[in-house]
Amino acid sequence: MHISIDLDDFRVTGEQKFKLAKHDTKIKDIYKDKGDYKDLLEEFAEEINELQRMMYAHDRYSMLLVFQAMDAAGKDGTIRHIMSGVNVHGVSVFAFKQPSPEELDHDFLWRTNLRLPQRGRIGIFNRSYYEEVLVVKVHPEILQNAQKLPAEFTQDMDKFWKHRYESIRDMEKHLAHSGTKVLKFFLHLSRDEQRDRFIARIDEPEKNWKFSEGDVAERKYWDEYQQAYEEAINATATKHAPWYVIPADDKKNMRLIVSQIVLEELQSLDMHYPQVSDARRAELEKYREMLEKD
């Protein structure tokens, strides 16, 4: 399997200053046609499933996939397509929306830490703890009205955000040192493409349920969100927990690129199926003989 892209073009590790404006929202098609796209996606799904099965049997590593994006970028569809062939016992998906009262009574990482993947499994966060340095940064009134923080913590907001970024980096470093591979995806959508997708949700009856007036209202803060993403990526991109900035105007390209990244990261893990000792092999042969005579 091969698609003609260099994944380093999308990977951000914090070694250089990241500028969101320098990353395209659309690139040349990396598939020949619709049939080629389907074939590639199926091949990716099969290989990802096989490696996840090995991860489950090996029971040493886990993987966390974090998806962040502006509304209508295609997070749900991307997750659904790249994980379509993975055994349901080996993957879990959690979508994080507005925090509940119970969640607001804990620190900002609590609700997502409860959903971290077990060893041998892939965990997927559709939105995540990063909402706390994105939505909350664009709407700082949330801190005052809902999050019940001591007043002295929010007197210096520059220091406040630095502390949140630090907490995220420390948490992701801890996960990496515990055997969890952390991959973070920002699905980079253009403002014009988002508008077109919102209109499609209105025009196509089967998509009406997806439309939300709140999504349109948030478009007024587009520039603020772009700045918040750029700052968050710069503050939290590391070698052990890189960001991948994926062009999202073409959903097919986006899904193939994400699939390639997940596959290569799985391949990088030192995994194998459990080895069976000679003594155990002899025992298995005895059970085999018993079953044949049954």
C-alpha atoms as a PDB file:
ATOM      1  CA  MET A   1       0.000   0.000   0.000  1.00  0.00           C
ATOM      2  CA  HIS A   2       1.293   3.438  -0.870  1.00  0.00           C
ATOM      3  CA  ILE A   3      -0.091   6.949  -1.154  1.00  0.00           C
ATOM      4  CA  SER A   4       2.145   9.677  -2.473  1.00  0.00           C
ATOM      5  CA  ILE A   5       2.451  11.916   0.587  1.00  0.00           C
ATOM      6  CA  ASP A   6       5.126  12.735   3.122  1.00  0.00           C
ATOM      7  CA  LEU A   7       3.599  12.589   6.589  1.00  0.00           C
ATOM      8  CA  ASP A   8       6.227  15.040   7.840  1.00  0.00           C
ATOM      9  CA  ASP A   9       4.321  17.684   5.878  1.00  0.00           C
ATOM     10  CA  PHE A  10       1.487  17.346   8.376  1.00  0.00           C
ATOM     11  CA  ARG A  11       3.362  16.514  11.599  1.00  0.00           C
ATOM     12  CA  VAL A  12       4.045  19.236  14.196  1.00  0.00           C
ATOM     13  CA  THR A  13       6.440  18.305  17.004  1.00  0.00           C
ATOM     14  CA  GLY A  14       7.198  21.681  18.553  1.00  0.00           C
ATOM     15  CA  GLU A  15      10.721  21.848  17.186  1.00  0.00           C
ATOM     16  CA  GLN A  16       9.818  24.783  14.963  1.00  0.00           C
ATOM     17  CA  LYS A  17       7.335  27.626  15.314  1.00  0.00           C
ATOM     18  CA  PHE A  18       3.972  26.581  13.880  1.00  0.00           C
ATOM     19  CA  LYS A  19       1.966  28.980  11.702  1.00  0.00           C
ATOM     20  CA  LEU A  20      -1.503  27.765  10.816  1.00  0.00           C
ATOM     21  CA  ALA A  21      -1.785  30.102   7.817  1.00  0.00           C
ATOM     22  CA  LYS A  22       1.088  28.274   6.122  1.00  0.00           C
ATOM     23  CA  HIS A  23      -0.854  24.992   6.079  1.00  0.00           C
ATOM     24  CA  ASP A  24      -3.258  24.363   3.215  1.00  0.00           C
ATOM     25  CA  THR A  25      -6.843  23.254   3.776  1.00  0.00           C
ATOM     26  CA  LYS A  26      -6.839  21.423   0.437  1.00  0.00           C
ATOM     27  CA  ILE A  27      -4.138  19.520  -1.449  1.00  0.00           C
ATOM     28  CA  LYS A  28      -3.951  17.606  -4.720  1.00  0.00           C
ATOM     29  CA  ASP A  29      -5.895  14.333  -4.669  1.00  0.00           C
ATOM     30  CA  ILE A  30      -3.815  11.428  -3.380  1.00  0.00           C
ATOM     31  CA  TYR A  31      -6.243   8.870  -4.857  1.00  0.00           C
ATOM     32  CA  LYS A  32      -6.856   8.210  -8.557  1.00  0.00           C
ATOM     33  CA  ASP A  33     -10.645   7.999  -8.460  1.00  0.00           C
ATOM     34  CA  LYS A  34     -13.525   6.963  -6.191  1.00  0.00           C
ATOM     35  CA  GLY A  35     -12.789   3.265  -6.671  1.00  0.00           C
ATOM     36  CA  ASP A  36      -9.125   3.740  -5.812  1.00  0.00           C
ATOM     37  CA  TYR A  37     -10.125   5.697  -2.716  1.00  0.00           C
ATOM     38  CA  LYS A  38     -12.404   2.879  -1.517  1.00  0.00           C
ATOM     39  CA  ASP A  39      -9.737   0.242  -2.161  1.00  0.00           C
ATOM     40  CA  LEU A  40      -7.110   2.218  -0.248  1.00  0.00           C
ATOM     41  CA  LEU A  41      -9.426   2.858   2.675  1.00  0.00           C
ATOM     42  CA  GLU A  42     -10.335  -0.836   2.907  1.00  0.00           C
ATOM     43  CA  GLU A  43      -6.687  -1.855   2.842  1.00  0.00           C
ATOM     44  CA  PHE A  44      -5.886   0.624   5.584  1.00  0.00           C
ATOM     45  CA  ALA A  45      -8.801  -0.635   7.688  1.00  0.00           C
ATOM     46  CA  GLU A  46      -7.666  -4.255   7.335  1.00  0.00           C
ATOM     47  CA  GLU A  47      -4.077  -3.499   8.339  1.00  0.00           C
ATOM     48  CA  ILE A  48      -5.111  -1.270  11.222  1.00  0.00           C
ATOM     49  CA  ASN A  49      -7.432  -4.017  12.473  1.00  0.00           C
ATOM     50  CA  GLU A  50      -4.685  -6.654  12.318  1.00  0.00           C
ATOM     51  CA  LEU A  51      -2.258  -4.457  14.250  1.00  0.00           C
ATOM     52  CA  GLN A  52      -4.922  -3.567  16.801  1.00  0.00           C
ATOM     53  CA  ARG A  53      -5.542  -7.297  17.341  1.00  0.00           C
ATOM     54  CA  MET A  54      -1.839  -7.724  17.963  1.00  0.00           C
ATOM     55  CA  MET A  55      -1.914  -4.759  20.354  1.00  0.00           C
ATOM     56  CA  TYR A  56      -4.794  -6.375  22.238  1.00  0.00           C
ATOM     57  CA  ALA A  57      -2.965  -9.714  22.504  1.00  0.00           C
ATOM     58  CA  HIS A  58       0.350  -8.081  23.387  1.00  0.00           C
ATOM     59  CA  ASP A  59      -1.403  -6.083  26.152  1.00  0.00           C
ATOM     60  CA  ARG A  60       1.411  -3.595  26.725  1.00  0.00           C
ATOM     61  CA  TYR A  61       0.580  -0.559  24.595  1.00  0.00           C
ATOM     62  CA  SER A  62      -2.493   1.565  24.006  1.00  0.00           C
ATOM     63  CA  MET A  63      -3.177   4.419  21.612  1.00  0.00           C
ATOM     64  CA  LEU A  64      -5.123   7.658  22.063  1.00  0.00           C
ATOM     65  CA  LEU A  65      -6.395   9.512  18.997  1.00  0.00           C
ATOM     66  CA  VAL A  66      -7.547  13.071  19.662  1.00  0.00           C
ATOM     67  CA  PHE A  67      -9.658  14.820  17.013  1.00  0.00           C
ATOM     68  CA  GLN A  68     -10.144  18.568  17.128  1.00  0.00           C
ATOM     69  CA  ALA A  69     -11.630  20.807  14.442  1.00  0.00           C
ATOM     70  CA  MET A  70     -14.001  23.582  13.606  1.00  0.00           C
ATOM     71  CA  ASP A  71     -17.634  22.518  13.202  1.00  0.00           C
ATOM     72  CA  ALA A  72     -18.427  20.528  10.015  1.00  0.00           C
ATOM     73  CA  ALA A  73     -14.807  19.525   9.425  1.00  0.00           C
ATOM     74  CA  GLY A  74     -15.731  15.838   9.332  1.00  0.00           C
ATOM     75  CA  LYS A  75     -14.558  14.387  12.646  1.00  0.00           C
ATOM     76  CA  ASP A  76     -17.405  11.873  12.928  1.00  0.00           C
ATOM     77  CA  GLY A  77     -17.038  10.578   9.378  1.00  0.00           C
ATOM     78  CA  THR A  78     -13.268  10.304   9.621  1.00  0.00           C
ATOM     79  CA  ILE A  79     -13.469   8.300  12.829  1.00  0.00           C
ATOM     80  CA  ARG A  80     -16.176   6.065  11.395  1.00  0.00           C
ATOM     81  CA  HIS A  81     -14.329   5.354   8.143  1.00  0.00           C
ATOM     82  CA  ILE A  82     -10.837   4.671   9.477  1.00  0.00           C
ATOM     83  CA  MET A  83     -12.112   2.448  12.294  1.00  0.00           C
ATOM     84  CA  SER A  84     -14.781   0.655  10.257  1.00  0.00           C
ATOM     85  CA  GLY A  85     -12.843  -2.610  10.198  1.00  0.00           C
ATOM     86  CA  VAL A  86     -11.561  -2.633  13.780  1.00  0.00           C
ATOM     87  CA  ASN A  87     -13.027  -5.127  16.256  1.00  0.00           C
ATOM     88  CA  VAL A  88     -15.392  -3.266  18.585  1.00  0.00           C
ATOM     89  CA  HIS A  89     -13.680  -4.844  21.604  1.00  0.00           C
ATOM     90  CA  GLY A  90     -10.453  -3.106  20.697  1.00  0.00           C
ATOM     91  CA  VAL A  91     -11.614   0.478  20.212  1.00  0.00           C
ATOM     92  CA  SER A  92     -13.706   2.999  22.138  1.00  0.00           C
ATOM     93  CA  VAL A  93     -14.989   6.387  20.982  1.00  0.00           C
ATOM     94  CA  PHE A  94     -16.035   9.232  23.265  1.00  0.00           C
ATOM     95  CA  ALA A  95     -17.536  12.548  22.166  1.00  0.00           C
ATOM     96  CA  PHE A  96     -17.063  15.343  24.677  1.00  0.00           C
ATOM     97  CA  LYS A  97     -19.612  18.124  24.646  1.00  0.00           C
ATOM     98  CA  GLN A  98     -20.515  20.784  27.199  1.00  0.00           C
ATOM     99  CA  PRO A  99     -19.341  19.650  30.655  1.00  0.00           C
ATOM    100  CA  SER A 100     -21.937  18.401  33.117  1.00  0.00           C
ATOM    101  CA  PRO A 101     -22.290  19.869  36.628  1.00  0.00           C
ATOM    102  CA  GLU A 102     -20.388  16.882  38.031  1.00  0.00           C
ATOM    103  CA  GLU A 103     -17.559  17.382  35.547  1.00  0.00           C
ATOM    104  CA  LEU A 104     -17.361  21.084  36.385  1.00  0.00           C
ATOM    105  CA  ASP A 105     -16.838  20.132  40.033  1.00  0.00           C
ATOM    106  CA  HIS A 106     -13.504  18.529  39.064  1.00  0.00           C
ATOM    107  CA  ASP A 107     -10.320  19.725  37.413  1.00  0.00           C
ATOM    108  CA  PHE A 108     -10.500  20.231  33.638  1.00  0.00           C
ATOM    109  CA  LEU A 109      -8.712  16.960  32.811  1.00  0.00           C
ATOM    110  CA  TRP A 110     -10.876  14.754  35.023  1.00  0.00           C
ATOM    111  CA  ARG A 111     -13.666  13.832  32.623  1.00  0.00           C
ATOM    112  CA  THR A 112     -11.323  12.837  29.797  1.00  0.00           C
ATOM    113  CA  ASN A 113      -8.899  10.988  32.072  1.00  0.00           C
ATOM    114  CA  LEU A 114     -11.811   8.723  33.050  1.00  0.00           C
ATOM    115  CA  ARG A 115     -12.045   7.647  29.389  1.00  0.00           C
ATOM    116  CA  LEU A 116      -8.399   6.961  28.628  1.00  0.00           C
ATOM    117  CA  PRO A 117      -7.852   3.660  26.777  1.00  0.00           C
ATOM    118  CA  GLN A 118      -6.865   0.482  28.570  1.00  0.00           C
ATOM    119  CA  ARG A 119      -3.762  -1.408  27.517  1.00  0.00           C
ATOM    120  CA  GLY A 120      -4.302  -3.186  24.237  1.00  0.00           C
ATOM    121  CA  ARG A 121      -6.942  -0.748  23.032  1.00  0.00           C
ATOM    122  CA  ILE A 122      -7.334   2.332  20.862  1.00  0.00           C
ATOM    123  CA  GLY A 123      -9.233   5.205  22.447  1.00  0.00           C
ATOM    124  CA  ILE A 124     -10.678   8.007  20.341  1.00  0.00           C
ATOM    125  CA  PHE A 125     -11.653  11.422  21.646  1.00  0.00           C
ATOM    126  CA  ASN A 126     -14.051  13.389  19.434  1.00  0.00           C
ATOM    127  CA  ARG A 127     -13.153  16.757  20.950  1.00  0.00           C
ATOM    128  CA  SER A 128     -11.220  16.509  24.188  1.00  0.00           C
ATOM    129  CA  TYR A 129      -9.500  18.320  27.023  1.00  0.00           C
ATOM    130  CA  TYR A 130      -8.284  20.747  24.339  1.00  0.00           C
ATOM    131  CA  GLU A 131     -11.720  22.362  24.393  1.00  0.00           C
ATOM    132  CA  GLU A 132     -10.510  23.926  27.654  1.00  0.00           C
ATOM    133  CA  VAL A 133      -7.864  25.954  25.804  1.00  0.00           C
ATOM    134  CA  LEU A 134      -9.959  26.529  22.675  1.00  0.00           C
ATOM    135  CA  VAL A 135     -13.646  27.202  23.364  1.00  0.00           C
ATOM    136  CA  VAL A 136     -12.904  28.484  26.844  1.00  0.00           C
ATOM    137  CA  LYS A 137     -10.148  30.750  25.528  1.00  0.00           C
ATOM    138  CA  VAL A 138     -12.442  32.204  22.859  1.00  0.00           C
ATOM    139  CA  HIS A 139     -15.213  32.575  25.464  1.00  0.00           C
ATOM    140  CA  PRO A 140     -13.381  33.378  28.729  1.00  0.00           C
ATOM    141  CA  GLU A 141     -16.690  34.217  30.404  1.00  0.00           C
ATOM    142  CA  ILE A 142     -17.098  30.446  30.796  1.00  0.00           C
ATOM    143  CA  LEU A 143     -14.359  30.531  33.416  1.00  0.00           C
ATOM    144  CA  GLN A 144     -16.208  33.072  35.492  1.00  0.00           C
ATOM    145  CA  ASN A 145     -19.716  31.674  35.056  1.00  0.00           C
ATOM    146  CA  ALA A 146     -19.270  27.913  35.166  1.00  0.00           C
ATOM    147  CA  GLN A 147     -15.880  26.617  36.180  1.00  0.00           C
ATOM    148  CA  LYS A 148     -15.844  27.713  39.829  1.00  0.00           C
ATOM    149  CA  LEU A 149     -12.135  28.472  39.925  1.00  0.00           C
ATOM    150  CA  PRO A 150     -10.609  30.429  42.810  1.00  0.00           C
ATOM    151  CA  ALA A 151     -10.472  34.114  41.864  1.00  0.00           C
ATOM    152  CA  GLU A 152      -6.706  34.365  42.316  1.00  0.00           C
ATOM    153  CA  PHE A 153      -6.158  31.758  39.581  1.00  0.00           C
ATOM    154  CA  THR A 154      -7.704  33.941  36.889  1.00  0.00           C
ATOM    155  CA  GLN A 155      -6.258  37.306  37.788  1.00  0.00           C
ATOM    156  CA  ASP A 156      -3.331  36.839  35.379  1.00  0.00           C
ATOM    157  CA  MET A 157      -4.822  35.198  32.292  1.00  0.00           C
ATOM    158  CA  ASP A 158      -1.502  34.781  30.472  1.00  0.00           C
ATOM    159  CA  LYS A 159      -0.220  32.748  33.399  1.00  0.00           C
ATOM    160  CA  PHE A 160      -3.517  30.860  33.580  1.00  0.00           C
ATOM    161  CA  TRP A 161      -3.280  29.615  29.980  1.00  0.00           C
ATOM    162  CA  LYS A 162       0.394  28.746  30.386  1.00  0.00           C
ATOM    163  CA  HIS A 163      -0.530  26.576  33.364  1.00  0.00           C
ATOM    164  CA  ARG A 164      -3.251  24.794  31.390  1.00  0.00           C
ATOM    165  CA  TYR A 165      -0.869  24.094  28.515  1.00  0.00           C
ATOM    166  CA  GLU A 166       1.680  22.831  31.027  1.00  0.00           C
ATOM    167  CA  SER A 167      -0.897  20.502  32.601  1.00  0.00           C
ATOM    168  CA  ILE A 168      -1.728  19.086  29.175  1.00  0.00           C
ATOM    169  CA  ARG A 169       1.934  18.570  28.251  1.00  0.00           C
ATOM    170  CA  ASP A 170       2.630  16.859  31.565  1.00  0.00           C
ATOM    171  CA  MET A 171      -0.387  14.583  31.215  1.00  0.00           C
ATOM    172  CA  GLU A 172       0.523  13.568  27.657  1.00  0.00           C
ATOM    173  CA  LYS A 173       4.136  12.973  28.669  1.00  0.00           C
ATOM    174  CA  HIS A 174       2.923  10.744  31.502  1.00  0.00           C
ATOM    175  CA  LEU A 175       0.768   8.767  29.050  1.00  0.00           C
ATOM    176  CA  ALA A 176       3.686   8.336  26.642  1.00  0.00           C
ATOM    177  CA  HIS A 177       5.892   7.075  29.480  1.00  0.00           C
ATOM    178  CA  SER A 178       3.144   4.617  30.464  1.00  0.00           C
ATOM    179  CA  GLY A 179       2.815   3.013  27.041  1.00  0.00           C
ATOM    180  CA  THR A 180       0.039   5.110  25.503  1.00  0.00           C
ATOM    181  CA  LYS A 181       0.809   6.515  22.067  1.00  0.00           C
ATOM    182  CA  VAL A 182      -0.851   9.933  21.786  1.00  0.00           C
ATOM    183  CA  LEU A 183      -1.771  11.237  18.313  1.00  0.00           C
ATOM    184  CA  LYS A 184      -3.563  14.556  17.930  1.00  0.00           C
ATOM    185  CA  PHE A 185      -5.343  15.558  14.739  1.00  0.00           C
ATOM    186  CA  PHE A 186      -6.456  19.054  13.805  1.00  0.00           C
ATOM    187  CA  LEU A 187      -8.743  18.762  10.778  1.00  0.00           C
ATOM    188  CA  HIS A 188      -7.948  22.036   9.022  1.00  0.00           C
ATOM    189  CA  LEU A 189     -11.086  23.319   7.297  1.00  0.00           C
ATOM    190  CA  SER A 190     -11.453  26.558   5.321  1.00  0.00           C
ATOM    191  CA  ARG A 191     -14.130  29.079   6.244  1.00  0.00           C
ATOM    192  CA  ASP A 192     -15.703  28.882   2.780  1.00  0.00           C
ATOM    193  CA  GLU A 193     -15.918  25.082   2.908  1.00  0.00           C
ATOM    194  CA  GLN A 194     -17.529  25.237   6.340  1.00  0.00           C
ATOM    195  CA  ARG A 195     -20.169  27.630   4.958  1.00  0.00           C
ATOM    196  CA  ASP A 196     -20.907  25.255   2.069  1.00  0.00           C
ATOM    197  CA  ARG A 197     -21.292  22.303   4.431  1.00  0.00           C
ATOM    198  CA  PHE A 198     -23.653  24.251   6.691  1.00  0.00           C
ATOM    199  CA  ILE A 199     -25.776  25.148   3.654  1.00  0.00           C
ATOM    200  CA  ALA A 200     -25.811  21.469   2.625  1.00  0.00           C
ATOM    201  CA  ARG A 201     -27.154  20.587   6.062  1.00  0.00           C
ATOM    202  CA  ILE A 202     -30.069  22.929   5.398  1.00  0.00           C
ATOM    203  CA  ASP A 203     -30.672  21.920   1.766  1.00  0.00           C
ATOM    204  CA  GLU A 204     -30.481  18.143   2.208  1.00  0.00           C
ATOM    205  CA  PRO A 205     -33.338  16.819   4.422  1.00  0.00           C
ATOM    206  CA  GLU A 206     -31.312  13.822   5.639  1.00  0.00           C
ATOM    207  CA  LYS A 207     -28.732  16.259   7.018  1.00  0.00           C
ATOM    208  CA  ASN A 208     -31.144  18.672   8.716  1.00  0.00           C
ATOM    209  CA  TRP A 209     -30.561  16.996  12.068  1.00  0.00           C
ATOM    210  CA  LYS A 210     -26.908  18.012  11.887  1.00  0.00           C
ATOM    211  CA  PHE A 211     -27.664  21.716  11.602  1.00  0.00           C
ATOM    212  CA  SER A 212     -27.305  23.843  14.706  1.00  0.00           C
ATOM    213  CA  GLU A 213     -27.918  27.571  15.000  1.00  0.00           C
ATOM    214  CA  GLY A 214     -25.078  27.665  17.498  1.00  0.00           C
ATOM    215  CA  ASP A 215     -22.611  26.486  14.869  1.00  0.00           C
ATOM    216  CA  VAL A 216     -23.482  29.488  12.700  1.00  0.00           C
ATOM    217  CA  ALA A 217     -23.150  31.829  15.677  1.00  0.00           C
ATOM    218  CA  GLU A 218     -19.646  30.515  16.376  1.00  0.00           C
ATOM    219  CA  ARG A 219     -18.560  31.467  12.824  1.00  0.00           C
ATOM    220  CA  LYS A 220     -18.361  35.061  14.078  1.00  0.00           C
ATOM    221  CA  TYR A 221     -15.375  33.941  16.151  1.00  0.00           C
ATOM    222  CA  TRP A 222     -13.538  32.227  13.284  1.00  0.00           C
ATOM    223  CA  ASP A 223     -10.357  34.315  13.579  1.00  0.00           C
ATOM    224  CA  GLU A 224     -10.292  33.913  17.343  1.00  0.00           C
ATOM    225  CA  TYR A 225     -10.561  30.136  17.013  1.00  0.00           C
ATOM    226  CA  GLN A 226      -7.788  30.019  14.418  1.00  0.00           C
ATOM    227  CA  GLN A 227      -5.548  31.946  16.796  1.00  0.00           C
ATOM    228  CA  ALA A 228      -6.498  29.693  19.714  1.00  0.00           C
ATOM    229  CA  TYR A 229      -5.660  26.579  17.683  1.00  0.00           C
ATOM    230  CA  GLU A 230      -2.327  27.989  16.603  1.00  0.00           C
ATOM    231  CA  GLU A 231      -1.395  28.864  20.182  1.00  0.00           C
ATOM    232  CA  ALA A 232      -2.544  25.495  21.538  1.00  0.00           C
ATOM    233  CA  ILE A 233      -0.623  23.542  18.906  1.00  0.00           C
ATOM    234  CA  ASN A 234       2.535  25.567  19.493  1.00  0.00           C
ATOM    235  CA  ALA A 235       2.246  25.093  23.252  1.00  0.00           C
ATOM    236  CA  THR A 236       1.512  21.351  23.273  1.00  0.00           C
ATOM    237  CA  ALA A 237       3.179  19.785  20.216  1.00  0.00           C
ATOM    238  CA  THR A 238       5.981  17.430  21.268  1.00  0.00           C
ATOM    239  CA  LYS A 239       7.829  14.470  19.800  1.00  0.00           C
ATOM    240  CA  HIS A 240       6.010  12.039  22.084  1.00  0.00           C
ATOM    241  CA  ALA A 241       2.586  13.640  21.445  1.00  0.00           C
ATOM    242  CA  PRO A 242       2.692  15.329  18.031  1.00  0.00           C
ATOM    243  CA  TRP A 243      -0.057  17.239  16.310  1.00  0.00           C
ATOM    244  CA  TYR A 244      -1.049  16.382  12.756  1.00  0.00           C
ATOM    245  CA  VAL A 245      -2.597  19.255  10.814  1.00  0.00           C
ATOM    246  CA  ILE A 246      -4.726  17.599   8.131  1.00  0.00           C
ATOM    247  CA  PRO A 247      -6.216  19.414   5.103  1.00  0.00           C
ATOM    248  CA  ALA A 248      -9.968  18.903   5.577  1.00  0.00           C
ATOM    249  CA  ASP A 249     -11.641  20.509   2.554  1.00  0.00           C
ATOM    250  CA  ASP A 250     -11.523  17.127   0.763  1.00  0.00           C
ATOM    251  CA  LYS A 251     -12.882  14.427   3.064  1.00  0.00           C
ATOM    252  CA  LYS A 252     -11.423  11.557   1.048  1.00  0.00           C
ATOM    253  CA  ASN A 253      -7.897  12.953   1.203  1.00  0.00           C
ATOM    254  CA  MET A 254      -8.351  13.650   4.906  1.00  0.00           C
ATOM    255  CA  ARG A 255      -9.451  10.100   5.720  1.00  0.00           C
ATOM    256  CA  LEU A 256      -6.612   8.522   3.760  1.00  0.00           C
ATOM    257  CA  ILE A 257      -3.980  10.735   5.387  1.00  0.00           C
ATOM    258  CA  VAL A 258      -5.297  10.026   8.896  1.00  0.00           C
ATOM    259  CA  SER A 259      -5.424   6.299   8.102  1.00  0.00           C
ATOM    260  CA  GLN A 260      -1.818   6.332   6.902  1.00  0.00           C
ATOM    261  CA  ILE A 261      -0.698   8.098  10.073  1.00  0.00           C
ATOM    262  CA  VAL A 262      -2.529   5.695  12.385  1.00  0.00           C
ATOM    263  CA  LEU A 263      -1.150   2.700  10.485  1.00  0.00           C
ATOM    264  CA  GLU A 264       2.462   3.928  10.555  1.00  0.00           C
ATOM    265  CA  GLU A 265       2.260   4.795  14.246  1.00  0.00           C
ATOM    266  CA  LEU A 266       0.901   1.328  15.030  1.00  0.00           C
ATOM    267  CA  GLN A 267       3.696  -0.209  12.959  1.00  0.00           C
ATOM    268  CA  SER A 268       6.247   1.747  15.006  1.00  0.00           C
ATOM    269  CA  LEU A 269       5.261  -0.025  18.227  1.00  0.00           C
ATOM    270  CA  ASP A 270       7.314  -3.033  19.308  1.00  0.00           C
ATOM    271  CA  MET A 271       4.424  -5.489  19.446  1.00  0.00           C
ATOM    272  CA  HIS A 272       4.068  -9.221  18.921  1.00  0.00           C
ATOM    273  CA  TYR A 273       1.645 -11.997  19.715  1.00  0.00           C
ATOM    274  CA  PRO A 274       2.396 -13.800  23.001  1.00  0.00           C
ATOM    275  CA  GLN A 275       4.994 -16.531  22.631  1.00  0.00           C
ATOM    276  CA  VAL A 276       3.978 -20.050  23.673  1.00  0.00           C
ATOM    277  CA  SER A 277       6.555 -22.137  25.578  1.00  0.00           C
ATOM    278  CA  ASP A 278       7.456 -25.661  24.544  1.00  0.00           C
ATOM    279  CA  ALA A 279       5.755 -26.985  27.669  1.00  0.00           C
ATOM    280  CA  ARG A 280       2.559 -25.123  26.874  1.00  0.00           C
ATOM    281  CA  ARG A 281       2.719 -26.301  23.263  1.00  0.00           C
ATOM    282  CA  ALA A 282       2.887 -29.879  24.488  1.00  0.00           C
ATOM    283  CA  GLU A 283      -0.172 -29.285  26.678  1.00  0.00           C
ATOM    284  CA  LEU A 284      -2.054 -27.840  23.717  1.00  0.00           C
ATOM    285  CA  GLU A 285      -1.258 -30.903  21.634  1.00  0.00           C
ATOM    286  CA  LYS A 286      -2.786 -33.107  24.346  1.00  0.00           C
ATOM    287  CA  TYR A 287      -5.965 -31.019  24.312  1.00  0.00           C
ATOM    288  CA  ARG A 288      -6.021 -31.245  20.531  1.00  0.00           C
ATOM    289  CA  GLU A 289      -5.904 -35.036  20.713  1.00  0.00           C
ATOM    290  CA  MET A 290      -8.724 -35.027  23.273  1.00  0.00           C
ATOM    291  CA  LEU A 291     -10.887 -32.855  21.036  1.00  0.00           C
ATOM    292  CA  GLU A 292     -10.247 -35.035  17.999  1.00  0.00           C
ATOM    293  CA  LYS A 293     -11.417 -38.118  19.928  1.00  0.00           C
ATOM    294  CA  ASP A 294     -14.520 -36.321  21.256  1.00  0.00           C
END
